[in-house]
């Protein structure tokens, strides 16, 4: 039981960055792109109407909802951001899998 918990904690710690990007993309996919009322953006809360970060978030959300023209209109880097974040998370997972495989002792050499 303790060994499984240690492995789970180690896996989570090594893949934290990839998990954060995947969770962020999932949250943006479920966000309503037309909703501009509630926000955690400091610029939006300060009264700035056209925040580039909010525009990028709404652009990503519109792209996940299939509105590619609206996505590009809100921020032209929305679609590239989706691809880059998804590829970066895959890269993190792949690098950590390779790292874990290199850490394992190679018992076949003794045979």
Protein backbone atom coordinates (compact mmCIF):
# COMPACT_ATOMS: atom_id res chain seq x y z
CA UNK A 1 0.00 0.00 0.00
CA UNK A 2 2.76 2.44 0.91
CA UNK A 3 4.74 1.59 -2.22
CA UNK A 4 1.74 2.36 -4.46
CA UNK A 5 1.17 5.67 -2.68
CA UNK A 6 4.83 6.62 -3.09
CA UNK A 7 4.68 5.74 -6.80
CA UNK A 8 1.50 7.79 -7.26
CA UNK A 9 3.02 10.81 -5.51
CA UNK A 10 6.20 10.47 -7.55
CA UNK A 11 4.22 10.22 -10.79
CA UNK A 12 2.15 13.28 -9.91
CA UNK A 13 5.20 15.30 -8.90
CA UNK A 14 7.10 14.45 -12.08
CA UNK A 15 4.13 15.15 -14.36
CA UNK A 16 2.79 18.23 -12.58
CA UNK A 17 3.44 20.63 -15.44
CA UNK A 18 1.76 18.39 -18.00
CA UNK A 19 -1.20 17.80 -15.71
CA UNK A 20 -1.65 21.54 -15.13
CA UNK A 21 -1.72 22.24 -18.89
CA UNK A 22 -4.20 19.43 -19.55
CA UNK A 23 -6.45 20.58 -16.69
CA UNK A 24 -6.28 24.17 -17.95
CA UNK A 25 -7.26 23.10 -21.47
CA UNK A 26 -10.14 21.01 -20.08
CA UNK A 27 -11.41 23.92 -17.99
CA UNK A 28 -11.27 26.21 -21.03
CA UNK A 29 -13.10 23.59 -23.08
CA UNK A 30 -16.00 23.60 -20.59
CA UNK A 31 -16.03 27.39 -20.19
CA UNK A 32 -18.78 29.36 -21.92
CA UNK A 33 -16.95 31.65 -24.37
CA UNK A 34 -19.76 34.24 -24.26
CA UNK A 35 -19.61 34.63 -20.46
CA UNK A 36 -17.51 37.65 -19.54
CA UNK A 37 -19.06 38.41 -16.14
CA UNK A 38 -16.97 36.34 -13.73
CA UNK A 39 -13.21 36.32 -14.02
CA UNK A 40 -10.08 35.82 -11.95
CA UNK A 41 -8.09 38.17 -14.19
CA UNK A 42 -6.62 41.10 -12.29
CA UNK A 43 -6.80 43.39 -15.33
CA UNK A 44 -10.47 42.50 -15.88
CA UNK A 45 -11.22 43.15 -12.21
CA UNK A 46 -9.42 46.51 -12.49
CA UNK A 47 -11.76 47.54 -15.30
CA UNK A 48 -9.59 46.93 -18.37
CA UNK A 49 -11.96 45.92 -21.18
CA UNK A 50 -9.58 44.23 -23.63
CA UNK A 51 -7.19 42.03 -21.70
CA UNK A 52 -5.03 39.89 -24.03
CA UNK A 53 -5.07 36.98 -21.57
CA UNK A 54 -8.86 36.99 -21.33
CA UNK A 55 -9.06 37.21 -25.10
CA UNK A 56 -6.76 34.21 -25.42
CA UNK A 57 -8.84 32.21 -22.93
CA UNK A 58 -12.07 33.05 -24.73
CA UNK A 59 -10.40 32.24 -28.04
CA UNK A 60 -9.37 28.79 -26.83
CA UNK A 61 -12.85 28.19 -25.44
CA UNK A 62 -14.47 29.24 -28.74
CA UNK A 63 -12.17 26.90 -30.64
CA UNK A 64 -13.16 23.98 -28.39
CA UNK A 65 -16.82 24.83 -29.07
CA UNK A 66 -16.18 24.72 -32.84
CA UNK A 67 -16.36 28.46 -33.52
CA UNK A 68 -13.00 28.85 -35.28
CA UNK A 69 -13.82 32.22 -36.85
CA UNK A 70 -14.89 33.60 -33.46
CA UNK A 71 -11.77 32.09 -31.94
CA UNK A 72 -9.52 33.87 -34.43
CA UNK A 73 -11.47 37.11 -34.02
CA UNK A 74 -11.04 37.09 -30.22
CA UNK A 75 -7.32 36.30 -30.37
CA UNK A 76 -5.33 35.07 -33.38
CA UNK A 77 -3.07 32.88 -31.22
CA UNK A 78 -5.89 30.77 -29.72
CA UNK A 79 -5.51 27.76 -32.01
CA UNK A 80 -1.69 27.76 -31.88
CA UNK A 81 -1.92 28.00 -28.07
CA UNK A 82 -4.06 24.85 -27.95
CA UNK A 83 -1.57 22.96 -30.10
CA UNK A 84 1.47 24.22 -28.17
CA UNK A 85 0.01 23.44 -24.74
CA UNK A 86 -1.13 20.00 -25.82
CA UNK A 87 2.26 19.19 -27.40
CA UNK A 88 4.11 20.52 -24.33
CA UNK A 89 2.07 18.31 -22.00
CA UNK A 90 2.76 15.28 -24.21
CA UNK A 91 6.46 16.18 -24.19
CA UNK A 92 6.48 16.35 -20.37
CA UNK A 93 4.78 12.95 -20.07
CA UNK A 94 7.11 11.38 -22.66
CA UNK A 95 10.27 12.78 -21.03
CA UNK A 96 9.21 11.50 -17.63
CA UNK A 97 8.43 8.04 -19.02
CA UNK A 98 11.91 7.93 -20.57
CA UNK A 99 13.39 9.14 -17.28
CA UNK A 100 11.59 6.42 -15.31
CA UNK A 101 12.76 3.76 -17.76
CA UNK A 102 16.37 4.89 -17.40
CA UNK A 103 16.12 4.73 -13.60
CA UNK A 104 15.07 1.10 -13.59
CA UNK A 105 17.95 -1.33 -13.19
CA UNK A 106 18.57 -3.48 -16.21
CA UNK A 107 18.40 -7.06 -14.95
CA UNK A 108 18.78 -8.56 -18.41
CA UNK A 109 22.52 -7.77 -18.40
CA UNK A 110 23.13 -10.32 -15.64
CA UNK A 111 21.49 -13.15 -17.56
